[in-house]
Every structure is written in structure tokens, then in C-alpha cells.
Amino acid sequence: MKANVLSAAAAAIALAAAVSQSAYAGIDGTINFAGQVNDVTCSVEGVAPGTGAVVKDVNMGGVSAARLAKAGDRANLTGFSIRVGSPGEGACVNGRTVVVLFDPTSPLIDVASGRLRIDGHSDPEDTINAKNVQVEVTNGDGSPIHLYTEKSKGVVIVDNQAIIPLAAQMYATGAATEGAVKTRVGFTVINP
């Protein structure tokens, strides 16, 4: 009887191993990852790189909800820039291209649209913040940046400095309601 129990246990283990191996036997494809380590030593807005100390405030002003009445309406395109390096900053090497990479783990990025959700976006009880509004970040030329998957357009460092032009605007996902529009996203300046 002891032999039968051991044989049954051994058979069960062998069957489980065969089933689990067959579950992993076929793959659907391969994902290749590649990258590059760069020595970006330029200051960002006058602050040493990688410190997280830079804070940019972009005031898009007020807008009537009527200008954001339907999905796709945009309002209050407001320019701003990220300053990299400074004249004579020798560690910021001329001829290199720099871009702004937005942190894809920033909790307010709408992964599908690439825009920023605003504070209170998912709280139906919130009466302080606007509803049906996101913030769209663009390159200086107004072309939208999908913050989850794209970087800004590149700028070449000249005289040990570069100014990366950007802009932001309110974007309606439906008929906007009255309230505050506040959001944020992390960023890093890199050499692509």
C-alpha cells in the first residue's frame, strides 16, 4: 500500500511538471530592450543634474468652461522652457542634443492619451477641481507630446547651453465643469 501511495504521488508530481512545462513551452514573441548610459553633466535651471530640486510652475490662467465645451477642445496654450547649462559651463558639452524625458511612472499621466489628469479627476465628490479636463504638454511648435511614450524634440547645446521650448494647454475630455486645474509630472533632461 505504501508503494501505491508513493507511486500515485510520483505520478501526480510528474503530471504537474508536464502540465506546467507545457504552459511555458510556447512563447508569443520577444521584447528587446536597449539603452545607453550618458554622462549628462549640464545643470538644469541652474541646479546640478539628478537632484530632483528643479520646480517649474506654469500658470495657464483662467478660461471659460464654454471654450472647453466638447471633447478635443483646447485652450490657453502657454509657453515655457527648460534651461540646460549656461554660458561657459564647460561640463555641458557643445554639439550634444538634449531632450526632456517625462517620468512614465508619474501617477497623473493618462497612459492612453499621454496627457496629464488633474487633481480630483476621479473623485465624484470633489467640488474644488474642474472635471473633464486634462493638461496637454506640447513641444514649442505646439505638437503634442505623449508623455508616457515620447520625449520632447531635441535641442543642440551651443555655447554650453540649450533652451528646450515647451508649452501646455487645457484639453477637454468632455464638457468641462468649473474648478481648479492642477497637475504635475516628473522630468529628466537626457541625451537621446
N, C-alpha and C. Protein backbone atom coordinates (compact mmCIF):
# COMPACT_ATOMS: atom_id res chain seq x y z
N MET A 1 0.82 -1.18 0.00
CA MET A 1 0.00 0.00 0.00
C MET A 1 0.87 1.25 0.00
N LYS A 2 1.97 1.17 0.79
CA LYS A 2 2.89 2.28 0.84
C LYS A 2 3.45 2.56 -0.56
N ALA A 3 3.75 1.50 -1.32
CA ALA A 3 4.29 1.65 -2.66
C ALA A 3 3.27 2.29 -3.58
N ASN A 4 1.98 1.94 -3.42
CA ASN A 4 0.94 2.53 -4.26
C ASN A 4 0.79 4.03 -3.99
N VAL A 5 0.86 4.42 -2.71
CA VAL A 5 0.76 5.83 -2.37
C VAL A 5 1.93 6.60 -2.94
N LEU A 6 3.15 6.04 -2.82
CA LEU A 6 4.34 6.69 -3.37
C LEU A 6 4.25 6.76 -4.89
N SER A 7 3.77 5.70 -5.52
CA SER A 7 3.64 5.69 -6.98
C SER A 7 2.62 6.74 -7.43
N ALA A 8 1.52 6.86 -6.70
CA ALA A 8 0.49 7.85 -7.04
C ALA A 8 1.04 9.26 -6.85
N ALA A 9 1.79 9.47 -5.78
CA ALA A 9 2.39 10.79 -5.53
C ALA A 9 3.40 11.13 -6.62
N ALA A 10 4.21 10.16 -7.00
CA ALA A 10 5.20 10.38 -8.05
C ALA A 10 4.52 10.69 -9.38
N ALA A 11 3.44 9.98 -9.66
CA ALA A 11 2.70 10.23 -10.90
C ALA A 11 2.08 11.62 -10.89
N ALA A 12 1.55 12.04 -9.75
CA ALA A 12 0.94 13.37 -9.64
C ALA A 12 1.99 14.46 -9.84
N ILE A 13 3.16 14.28 -9.27
CA ILE A 13 4.24 15.25 -9.44
C ILE A 13 4.69 15.31 -10.89
N ALA A 14 4.83 14.17 -11.52
CA ALA A 14 5.24 14.12 -12.93
C ALA A 14 4.21 14.79 -13.82
N LEU A 15 2.92 14.56 -13.53
CA LEU A 15 1.85 15.17 -14.31
C LEU A 15 1.85 16.68 -14.13
N ALA A 16 2.01 17.15 -12.89
CA ALA A 16 2.04 18.59 -12.63
C ALA A 16 3.22 19.24 -13.34
N ALA A 17 4.37 18.58 -13.33
CA ALA A 17 5.55 19.12 -14.01
C ALA A 17 5.31 19.19 -15.52
N ALA A 18 4.68 18.16 -16.08
CA ALA A 18 4.42 18.16 -17.52
C ALA A 18 3.44 19.26 -17.90
N VAL A 19 2.39 19.45 -17.09
CA VAL A 19 1.40 20.48 -17.37
C VAL A 19 2.03 21.86 -17.26
N SER A 20 2.83 22.11 -16.21
CA SER A 20 3.42 23.43 -16.05
C SER A 20 4.44 23.72 -17.13
N GLN A 21 5.18 22.69 -17.59
CA GLN A 21 6.14 22.91 -18.67
C GLN A 21 5.42 23.22 -19.98
N SER A 22 4.31 22.56 -20.22
CA SER A 22 3.60 22.83 -21.47
C SER A 22 2.99 24.22 -21.47
N ALA A 23 2.67 24.73 -20.29
CA ALA A 23 2.14 26.09 -20.20
C ALA A 23 3.19 27.11 -20.59
N TYR A 24 4.45 26.79 -20.38
CA TYR A 24 5.54 27.70 -20.71
C TYR A 24 6.26 27.30 -21.99
N ALA A 25 5.85 26.24 -22.63
CA ALA A 25 6.57 25.72 -23.79
C ALA A 25 6.51 26.66 -24.98
N GLY A 26 5.40 27.33 -25.21
CA GLY A 26 5.28 28.22 -26.36
C GLY A 26 5.37 29.67 -25.92
N ILE A 27 6.07 30.49 -26.70
CA ILE A 27 6.11 31.92 -26.42
C ILE A 27 5.43 32.66 -27.55
N ASP A 28 4.99 33.85 -27.27
CA ASP A 28 4.31 34.64 -28.28
C ASP A 28 5.23 35.59 -29.02
N GLY A 29 6.40 35.82 -28.48
CA GLY A 29 7.30 36.75 -29.14
C GLY A 29 8.45 37.13 -28.23
N THR A 30 9.21 38.11 -28.66
CA THR A 30 10.38 38.57 -27.92
C THR A 30 10.33 40.09 -27.82
N ILE A 31 10.67 40.59 -26.67
CA ILE A 31 10.81 42.03 -26.49
C ILE A 31 12.27 42.32 -26.25
N ASN A 32 12.86 43.11 -27.11
CA ASN A 32 14.26 43.50 -26.96
C ASN A 32 14.34 44.87 -26.31
N PHE A 33 15.24 45.03 -25.36
CA PHE A 33 15.44 46.30 -24.69
C PHE A 33 16.84 46.79 -24.98
N ALA A 34 16.98 48.08 -25.20
CA ALA A 34 18.30 48.67 -25.45
C ALA A 34 18.31 50.05 -24.82
N GLY A 35 19.48 50.52 -24.52
CA GLY A 35 19.60 51.85 -23.94
C GLY A 35 21.04 52.30 -24.02
N GLN A 36 21.33 53.38 -23.38
CA GLN A 36 22.68 53.93 -23.38
C GLN A 36 22.87 54.72 -22.11
N VAL A 37 24.05 54.60 -21.55
CA VAL A 37 24.39 55.40 -20.38
C VAL A 37 25.14 56.61 -20.88
N ASN A 38 24.65 57.80 -20.55
CA ASN A 38 25.28 59.05 -20.96
C ASN A 38 25.70 59.83 -19.73
N ASP A 39 26.73 60.59 -19.90
CA ASP A 39 27.21 61.44 -18.82
C ASP A 39 26.67 62.85 -19.03
N VAL A 40 25.42 63.07 -18.60
CA VAL A 40 24.82 64.39 -18.73
C VAL A 40 25.23 65.18 -17.49
N THR A 41 26.10 66.13 -17.71
CA THR A 41 26.62 66.90 -16.58
C THR A 41 26.16 68.35 -16.61
N CYS A 42 25.26 68.67 -17.52
CA CYS A 42 24.74 70.04 -17.61
C CYS A 42 23.82 70.32 -16.43
N SER A 43 23.88 71.54 -15.95
CA SER A 43 22.90 71.95 -14.95
C SER A 43 21.53 72.06 -15.62
N VAL A 44 20.48 71.97 -14.83
CA VAL A 44 19.11 72.13 -15.31
C VAL A 44 18.49 73.24 -14.49
N GLU A 45 18.15 74.34 -15.17
CA GLU A 45 17.61 75.52 -14.48
C GLU A 45 18.57 75.99 -13.38
N GLY A 46 19.87 75.85 -13.63
CA GLY A 46 20.87 76.31 -12.69
C GLY A 46 21.14 75.38 -11.52
N VAL A 47 20.54 74.20 -11.54
CA VAL A 47 20.69 73.22 -10.46
C VAL A 47 21.44 72.00 -10.99
N ALA A 48 22.27 71.39 -10.15
CA ALA A 48 23.00 70.18 -10.56
C ALA A 48 22.03 69.11 -11.04
N PRO A 49 22.42 68.36 -12.10
CA PRO A 49 21.51 67.35 -12.65
C PRO A 49 21.27 66.20 -11.67
N GLY A 50 20.07 65.62 -11.76
CA GLY A 50 19.75 64.44 -10.98
C GLY A 50 19.37 64.69 -9.53
N THR A 51 19.22 65.94 -9.13
CA THR A 51 18.90 66.22 -7.73
C THR A 51 17.40 66.23 -7.45
N GLY A 52 16.59 66.40 -8.48
CA GLY A 52 15.15 66.49 -8.28
C GLY A 52 14.70 67.82 -7.70
N ALA A 53 15.63 68.79 -7.65
CA ALA A 53 15.33 70.06 -6.98
C ALA A 53 14.66 71.09 -7.88
N VAL A 54 14.61 70.85 -9.19
CA VAL A 54 14.02 71.84 -10.10
C VAL A 54 12.50 71.77 -10.02
N VAL A 55 11.87 72.92 -9.84
CA VAL A 55 10.41 73.01 -9.85
C VAL A 55 10.04 74.12 -10.83
N LYS A 56 9.27 73.78 -11.84
CA LYS A 56 8.77 74.75 -12.83
C LYS A 56 7.29 74.95 -12.57
N ASP A 57 6.86 76.18 -12.47
CA ASP A 57 5.44 76.50 -12.33
C ASP A 57 4.96 77.12 -13.64
N VAL A 58 3.92 76.56 -14.21
CA VAL A 58 3.35 77.06 -15.46
C VAL A 58 1.91 77.47 -15.17
N ASN A 59 1.65 78.77 -15.22
CA ASN A 59 0.31 79.29 -14.96
C ASN A 59 -0.42 79.44 -16.29
N MET A 60 -1.39 78.57 -16.54
CA MET A 60 -2.15 78.61 -17.79
C MET A 60 -3.32 79.59 -17.73
N GLY A 61 -3.51 80.25 -16.59
CA GLY A 61 -4.57 81.24 -16.46
C GLY A 61 -5.95 80.61 -16.41
N GLY A 62 -6.95 81.47 -16.48
CA GLY A 62 -8.34 81.02 -16.43
C GLY A 62 -8.96 80.98 -17.82
N VAL A 63 -9.97 80.16 -17.96
CA VAL A 63 -10.67 80.05 -19.23
C VAL A 63 -12.14 79.73 -18.94
N SER A 64 -13.01 80.21 -19.76
CA SER A 64 -14.43 79.90 -19.64
C SER A 64 -14.67 78.43 -19.97
N ALA A 65 -15.54 77.79 -19.19
CA ALA A 65 -15.90 76.39 -19.49
C ALA A 65 -16.48 76.27 -20.90
N ALA A 66 -17.05 77.34 -21.41
CA ALA A 66 -17.63 77.32 -22.76
C ALA A 66 -16.56 77.06 -23.83
N ARG A 67 -15.30 77.45 -23.56
CA ARG A 67 -14.22 77.18 -24.53
C ARG A 67 -13.76 75.73 -24.48
N LEU A 68 -14.18 75.00 -23.45
CA LEU A 68 -13.86 73.58 -23.31
C LEU A 68 -15.16 72.78 -23.23
N ALA A 69 -16.06 73.06 -24.16
CA ALA A 69 -17.42 72.51 -24.11
C ALA A 69 -17.53 71.09 -24.64
N LYS A 70 -16.58 70.66 -25.47
CA LYS A 70 -16.68 69.30 -26.02
C LYS A 70 -15.31 68.66 -26.09
N ALA A 71 -15.31 67.34 -26.12
CA ALA A 71 -14.06 66.58 -26.17
C ALA A 71 -13.20 67.06 -27.34
N GLY A 72 -11.93 67.29 -27.05
CA GLY A 72 -11.00 67.74 -28.08
C GLY A 72 -10.76 69.23 -28.09
N ASP A 73 -11.60 70.00 -27.40
CA ASP A 73 -11.38 71.44 -27.32
C ASP A 73 -10.11 71.71 -26.52
N ARG A 74 -9.34 72.70 -26.97
CA ARG A 74 -8.11 73.09 -26.29
C ARG A 74 -8.16 74.57 -26.00
N ALA A 75 -7.49 74.98 -24.89
CA ALA A 75 -7.49 76.40 -24.55
C ALA A 75 -6.24 76.75 -23.75
N ASN A 76 -5.85 78.02 -23.91
CA ASN A 76 -4.80 78.65 -23.11
C ASN A 76 -3.41 78.02 -23.30
N LEU A 77 -3.00 77.84 -24.54
CA LEU A 77 -1.65 77.34 -24.81
C LEU A 77 -0.65 78.33 -24.21
N THR A 78 0.19 77.83 -23.31
CA THR A 78 1.11 78.67 -22.55
C THR A 78 2.52 78.14 -22.70
N GLY A 79 3.42 78.96 -23.22
CA GLY A 79 4.80 78.53 -23.42
C GLY A 79 5.62 78.58 -22.14
N PHE A 80 6.58 77.67 -22.06
CA PHE A 80 7.59 77.67 -21.01
C PHE A 80 8.81 76.95 -21.56
N SER A 81 9.90 76.96 -20.84
CA SER A 81 11.10 76.30 -21.34
C SER A 81 11.89 75.69 -20.20
N ILE A 82 12.76 74.77 -20.56
CA ILE A 82 13.70 74.16 -19.62
C ILE A 82 15.09 74.60 -20.06
N ARG A 83 15.81 75.28 -19.19
CA ARG A 83 17.15 75.78 -19.48
C ARG A 83 18.18 74.75 -19.04
N VAL A 84 19.05 74.38 -19.96
CA VAL A 84 20.09 73.39 -19.71
C VAL A 84 21.44 74.06 -19.86
N GLY A 85 22.31 73.91 -18.85
CA GLY A 85 23.64 74.51 -18.90
C GLY A 85 23.58 76.02 -18.78
N SER A 86 24.73 76.65 -19.05
CA SER A 86 24.83 78.11 -19.05
C SER A 86 26.12 78.48 -19.77
N PRO A 87 26.23 79.72 -20.27
CA PRO A 87 27.44 80.11 -20.98
C PRO A 87 28.69 79.85 -20.13
N GLY A 88 29.64 79.18 -20.74
CA GLY A 88 30.90 78.89 -20.05
C GLY A 88 30.86 77.66 -19.15
N GLU A 89 29.71 76.98 -19.06
CA GLU A 89 29.62 75.76 -18.24
C GLU A 89 30.28 74.62 -19.01
N GLY A 90 31.59 74.48 -18.84
CA GLY A 90 32.39 73.55 -19.62
C GLY A 90 31.95 72.11 -19.58
N ALA A 91 31.31 71.68 -18.49
CA ALA A 91 30.85 70.30 -18.39
C ALA A 91 29.66 70.04 -19.32
N CYS A 92 29.02 71.09 -19.80
CA CYS A 92 27.89 70.97 -20.71
C CYS A 92 28.45 71.06 -22.13
N VAL A 93 28.64 69.92 -22.77
CA VAL A 93 29.42 69.80 -24.00
C VAL A 93 28.66 70.27 -25.23
N ASN A 94 29.25 71.21 -25.97
CA ASN A 94 28.67 71.71 -27.21
C ASN A 94 28.49 70.58 -28.22
N GLY A 95 27.43 70.68 -29.02
CA GLY A 95 27.18 69.72 -30.09
C GLY A 95 26.31 68.54 -29.67
N ARG A 96 26.15 68.32 -28.40
CA ARG A 96 25.26 67.26 -27.94
C ARG A 96 23.81 67.73 -28.04
N THR A 97 22.90 66.78 -28.24
CA THR A 97 21.48 67.08 -28.28
C THR A 97 20.86 66.69 -26.94
N VAL A 98 20.00 67.54 -26.42
CA VAL A 98 19.30 67.24 -25.17
C VAL A 98 17.79 67.26 -25.41
N VAL A 99 17.08 66.42 -24.68
CA VAL A 99 15.61 66.35 -24.74
C VAL A 99 15.08 66.24 -23.32
N VAL A 100 13.79 66.48 -23.18
CA VAL A 100 13.12 66.26 -21.90
C VAL A 100 12.39 64.92 -21.99
N LEU A 101 12.68 64.06 -21.02
CA LEU A 101 12.01 62.77 -20.88
C LEU A 101 11.09 62.90 -19.67
N PHE A 102 9.81 62.62 -19.87
CA PHE A 102 8.84 62.71 -18.78
C PHE A 102 8.77 61.36 -18.08
N ASP A 103 8.64 61.39 -16.76
CA ASP A 103 8.65 60.17 -15.95
C ASP A 103 7.38 59.37 -16.20
N PRO A 104 7.48 58.21 -16.86
CA PRO A 104 6.28 57.44 -17.18
C PRO A 104 5.58 56.86 -15.96
N THR A 105 6.25 56.90 -14.79
CA THR A 105 5.60 56.41 -13.58
C THR A 105 4.87 57.52 -12.82
N SER A 106 4.90 58.73 -13.36
CA SER A 106 4.16 59.83 -12.72
C SER A 106 2.69 59.43 -12.64
N PRO A 107 2.10 59.45 -11.46
CA PRO A 107 0.75 58.91 -11.28
C PRO A 107 -0.36 59.66 -12.02
N LEU A 108 -0.13 60.88 -12.45
CA LEU A 108 -1.20 61.62 -13.12
C LEU A 108 -1.16 61.50 -14.64
N ILE A 109 -0.20 60.76 -15.19
CA ILE A 109 -0.18 60.55 -16.64
C ILE A 109 -1.30 59.58 -17.01
N ASP A 110 -2.13 60.00 -17.96
CA ASP A 110 -3.12 59.12 -18.57
C ASP A 110 -2.37 58.33 -19.63
N VAL A 111 -2.13 57.07 -19.37
CA VAL A 111 -1.31 56.24 -20.25
C VAL A 111 -1.89 56.18 -21.67
N ALA A 112 -3.20 56.15 -21.79
CA ALA A 112 -3.84 56.06 -23.11
C ALA A 112 -3.67 57.33 -23.92
N SER A 113 -3.94 58.48 -23.31
CA SER A 113 -3.91 59.74 -24.07
C SER A 113 -2.54 60.41 -24.07
N GLY A 114 -1.73 60.11 -23.05
CA GLY A 114 -0.44 60.78 -22.92
C GLY A 114 -0.53 62.16 -22.29
N ARG A 115 -1.74 62.56 -21.92
CA ARG A 115 -1.94 63.85 -21.26
C ARG A 115 -1.94 63.65 -19.75
N LEU A 116 -1.97 64.76 -19.01
CA LEU A 116 -1.99 64.71 -17.56
C LEU A 116 -3.40 64.86 -17.02
N ARG A 117 -3.81 63.90 -16.18
CA ARG A 117 -5.06 64.06 -15.45
C ARG A 117 -4.84 65.13 -14.39
N ILE A 118 -5.92 65.75 -13.95
CA ILE A 118 -5.79 66.82 -12.95
C ILE A 118 -6.20 66.30 -11.58
N ASP A 119 -5.81 67.03 -10.55
CA ASP A 119 -6.21 66.68 -9.19
C ASP A 119 -7.72 66.53 -9.13
N GLY A 120 -8.20 65.52 -8.41
CA GLY A 120 -9.63 65.31 -8.23
C GLY A 120 -10.34 64.71 -9.43
N HIS A 121 -9.61 64.29 -10.46
CA HIS A 121 -10.24 63.82 -11.71
C HIS A 121 -11.17 62.64 -11.52
N SER A 122 -10.88 61.78 -10.53
CA SER A 122 -11.70 60.58 -10.38
C SER A 122 -12.57 60.60 -9.12
N ASP A 123 -12.66 61.73 -8.47
CA ASP A 123 -13.45 61.83 -7.24
C ASP A 123 -14.77 62.55 -7.53
N PRO A 124 -15.88 61.81 -7.61
CA PRO A 124 -17.16 62.45 -7.92
C PRO A 124 -17.64 63.40 -6.83
N GLU A 125 -17.11 63.26 -5.63
CA GLU A 125 -17.50 64.13 -4.53
C GLU A 125 -16.72 65.45 -4.53
N ASP A 126 -15.64 65.52 -5.31
CA ASP A 126 -14.79 66.71 -5.34
C ASP A 126 -15.50 67.85 -6.06
N THR A 127 -15.64 68.98 -5.38
CA THR A 127 -16.27 70.16 -5.98
C THR A 127 -15.28 71.30 -6.15
N ILE A 128 -14.03 71.06 -5.85
CA ILE A 128 -12.99 72.10 -5.93
C ILE A 128 -12.36 72.13 -7.33
N ASN A 129 -12.13 70.95 -7.89
CA ASN A 129 -11.40 70.85 -9.16
C ASN A 129 -12.34 70.69 -10.35
N ALA A 130 -11.88 71.18 -11.50
CA ALA A 130 -12.64 71.03 -12.75
C ALA A 130 -12.79 69.55 -13.08
N LYS A 131 -13.73 69.22 -13.90
CA LYS A 131 -13.93 67.85 -14.38
C LYS A 131 -13.86 67.87 -15.91
N ASN A 132 -13.52 66.72 -16.48
CA ASN A 132 -13.41 66.54 -17.93
C ASN A 132 -12.33 67.42 -18.54
N VAL A 133 -11.27 67.65 -17.78
CA VAL A 133 -10.15 68.46 -18.28
C VAL A 133 -8.85 67.71 -17.99
N GLN A 134 -7.97 67.71 -18.97
CA GLN A 134 -6.60 67.22 -18.80
C GLN A 134 -5.67 68.34 -19.23
N VAL A 135 -4.38 68.18 -18.95
CA VAL A 135 -3.38 69.13 -19.41
C VAL A 135 -2.52 68.42 -20.45
N GLU A 136 -2.43 69.08 -21.61
CA GLU A 136 -1.64 68.54 -22.72
C GLU A 136 -0.33 69.32 -22.80
N VAL A 137 0.79 68.61 -22.74
CA VAL A 137 2.11 69.23 -22.88
C VAL A 137 2.52 69.08 -24.34
N THR A 138 3.09 70.16 -24.89
CA THR A 138 3.48 70.16 -26.30
C THR A 138 4.94 70.60 -26.45
N ASN A 139 5.48 70.31 -27.61
CA ASN A 139 6.75 70.91 -27.99
C ASN A 139 6.51 72.39 -28.23
N GLY A 140 7.57 73.16 -28.38
CA GLY A 140 7.45 74.58 -28.60
C GLY A 140 6.63 74.94 -29.83
N ASP A 141 6.59 74.02 -30.81
CA ASP A 141 5.83 74.28 -32.04
C ASP A 141 4.35 73.92 -31.90
N GLY A 142 3.94 73.47 -30.72
CA GLY A 142 2.54 73.12 -30.48
C GLY A 142 2.20 71.67 -30.73
N SER A 143 3.14 70.86 -31.23
CA SER A 143 2.84 69.45 -31.46
C SER A 143 2.79 68.71 -30.12
N PRO A 144 1.68 67.97 -29.87
CA PRO A 144 1.51 67.30 -28.58
C PRO A 144 2.59 66.26 -28.31
N ILE A 145 2.95 66.12 -27.05
CA ILE A 145 3.89 65.09 -26.61
C ILE A 145 3.09 64.06 -25.82
N HIS A 146 3.15 62.81 -26.24
CA HIS A 146 2.53 61.72 -25.48
C HIS A 146 3.48 61.43 -24.32
N LEU A 147 3.17 61.93 -23.13
CA LEU A 147 4.10 61.91 -22.01
C LEU A 147 4.51 60.51 -21.57
N TYR A 148 3.70 59.52 -21.87
CA TYR A 148 4.04 58.15 -21.48
C TYR A 148 5.03 57.50 -22.44
N THR A 149 5.00 57.90 -23.71
CA THR A 149 5.82 57.20 -24.71
C THR A 149 6.80 58.09 -25.47
N GLU A 150 6.70 59.39 -25.37
CA GLU A 150 7.54 60.27 -26.18
C GLU A 150 8.37 61.23 -25.34
N LYS A 151 9.44 61.70 -25.96
CA LYS A 151 10.29 62.74 -25.38
C LYS A 151 10.00 64.04 -26.13
N SER A 152 10.50 65.15 -25.61
CA SER A 152 10.38 66.42 -26.33
C SER A 152 11.28 66.38 -27.57
N LYS A 153 11.11 67.34 -28.43
CA LYS A 153 12.03 67.48 -29.56
C LYS A 153 13.39 67.89 -29.00
N GLY A 154 14.44 67.47 -29.68
CA GLY A 154 15.80 67.75 -29.21
C GLY A 154 16.29 69.13 -29.57
N VAL A 155 17.20 69.63 -28.74
CA VAL A 155 17.86 70.92 -28.96
C VAL A 155 19.36 70.68 -28.80
N VAL A 156 20.15 71.24 -29.71
CA VAL A 156 21.61 71.08 -29.68
C VAL A 156 22.22 72.10 -28.73
N ILE A 157 23.16 71.65 -27.92
CA ILE A 157 23.86 72.53 -27.00
C ILE A 157 24.85 73.39 -27.78
N VAL A 158 24.74 74.71 -27.60
CA VAL A 158 25.63 75.69 -28.22
C VAL A 158 26.06 76.65 -27.12
N ASP A 159 27.34 77.00 -27.08
CA ASP A 159 27.87 77.88 -26.04
C ASP A 159 27.56 77.31 -24.65
N ASN A 160 27.65 75.98 -24.54
CA ASN A 160 27.45 75.26 -23.28
C ASN A 160 26.05 75.40 -22.69
N GLN A 161 25.06 75.66 -23.54
CA GLN A 161 23.69 75.81 -23.05
C GLN A 161 22.67 75.47 -24.13
N ALA A 162 21.47 75.17 -23.69
CA ALA A 162 20.35 74.93 -24.59
C ALA A 162 19.07 75.33 -23.87
N ILE A 163 18.12 75.81 -24.64
CA ILE A 163 16.80 76.13 -24.11
C ILE A 163 15.82 75.21 -24.82
N ILE A 164 15.14 74.34 -24.06
CA ILE A 164 14.18 73.40 -24.65
C ILE A 164 12.79 74.05 -24.55
N PRO A 165 12.22 74.47 -25.70
CA PRO A 165 10.91 75.13 -25.66
C PRO A 165 9.77 74.11 -25.55
N LEU A 166 8.85 74.39 -24.65
CA LEU A 166 7.68 73.54 -24.43
C LEU A 166 6.45 74.43 -24.24
N ALA A 167 5.30 73.82 -24.18
CA ALA A 167 4.07 74.56 -23.88
C ALA A 167 3.08 73.60 -23.23
N ALA A 168 2.05 74.15 -22.64
CA ALA A 168 0.99 73.34 -22.03
C ALA A 168 -0.34 74.04 -22.27
N GLN A 169 -1.40 73.23 -22.36
CA GLN A 169 -2.73 73.78 -22.56
C GLN A 169 -3.77 72.86 -21.93
N MET A 170 -4.93 73.44 -21.65
CA MET A 170 -6.05 72.65 -21.14
C MET A 170 -6.69 71.92 -22.31
N TYR A 171 -7.10 70.68 -22.05
CA TYR A 171 -7.69 69.82 -23.07
C TYR A 171 -8.97 69.21 -22.51
N ALA A 172 -10.08 69.38 -23.21
CA ALA A 172 -11.37 68.84 -22.74
C ALA A 172 -11.52 67.39 -23.16
N THR A 173 -11.90 66.54 -22.19
CA THR A 173 -12.24 65.15 -22.49
C THR A 173 -13.75 64.98 -22.59
N GLY A 174 -14.48 66.05 -22.35
CA GLY A 174 -15.93 66.14 -22.39
C GLY A 174 -16.27 67.57 -22.03
N ALA A 175 -17.52 67.84 -21.74
CA ALA A 175 -17.91 69.20 -21.35
C ALA A 175 -17.27 69.54 -20.00
N ALA A 176 -16.38 70.52 -19.99
CA ALA A 176 -15.66 70.89 -18.77
C ALA A 176 -16.60 71.52 -17.76
N THR A 177 -16.29 71.25 -16.49
CA THR A 177 -17.02 71.91 -15.41
C THR A 177 -16.07 72.87 -14.69
N GLU A 178 -16.64 73.82 -14.01
CA GLU A 178 -15.87 74.84 -13.32
C GLU A 178 -15.03 74.23 -12.20
N GLY A 179 -13.81 74.75 -12.03
CA GLY A 179 -12.96 74.31 -10.93
C GLY A 179 -11.49 74.50 -11.25
N ALA A 180 -10.66 74.19 -10.29
CA ALA A 180 -9.21 74.34 -10.42
C ALA A 180 -8.64 73.29 -11.37
N VAL A 181 -7.56 73.67 -12.05
CA VAL A 181 -6.83 72.75 -12.92
C VAL A 181 -5.39 72.73 -12.41
N LYS A 182 -5.05 71.64 -11.71
CA LYS A 182 -3.70 71.48 -11.16
C LYS A 182 -3.23 70.06 -11.42
N THR A 183 -1.97 69.94 -11.83
CA THR A 183 -1.38 68.63 -12.08
C THR A 183 0.13 68.77 -12.03
N ARG A 184 0.85 67.69 -12.21
CA ARG A 184 2.31 67.72 -12.16
C ARG A 184 2.86 66.47 -12.83
N VAL A 185 4.13 66.55 -13.25
CA VAL A 185 4.81 65.39 -13.85
C VAL A 185 6.31 65.53 -13.58
N GLY A 186 6.96 64.42 -13.33
CA GLY A 186 8.40 64.42 -13.17
C GLY A 186 9.08 64.46 -14.53
N PHE A 187 10.31 65.00 -14.58
CA PHE A 187 11.04 65.03 -15.85
C PHE A 187 12.54 64.89 -15.60
N THR A 188 13.23 64.49 -16.66
CA THR A 188 14.68 64.37 -16.67
C THR A 188 15.18 64.91 -18.00
N VAL A 189 16.32 65.59 -17.99
CA VAL A 189 16.94 66.03 -19.23
C VAL A 189 17.99 64.97 -19.59
N ILE A 190 17.91 64.47 -20.83
CA ILE A 190 18.83 63.43 -21.25
C ILE A 190 19.41 63.72 -22.63
N ASN A 191 20.48 62.99 -22.97
CA ASN A 191 21.00 62.94 -24.34
C ASN A 191 20.38 61.71 -24.96
N PRO A 192 19.60 61.86 -26.02
CA PRO A 192 18.94 60.66 -26.60
C PRO A 192 19.93 59.73 -27.28
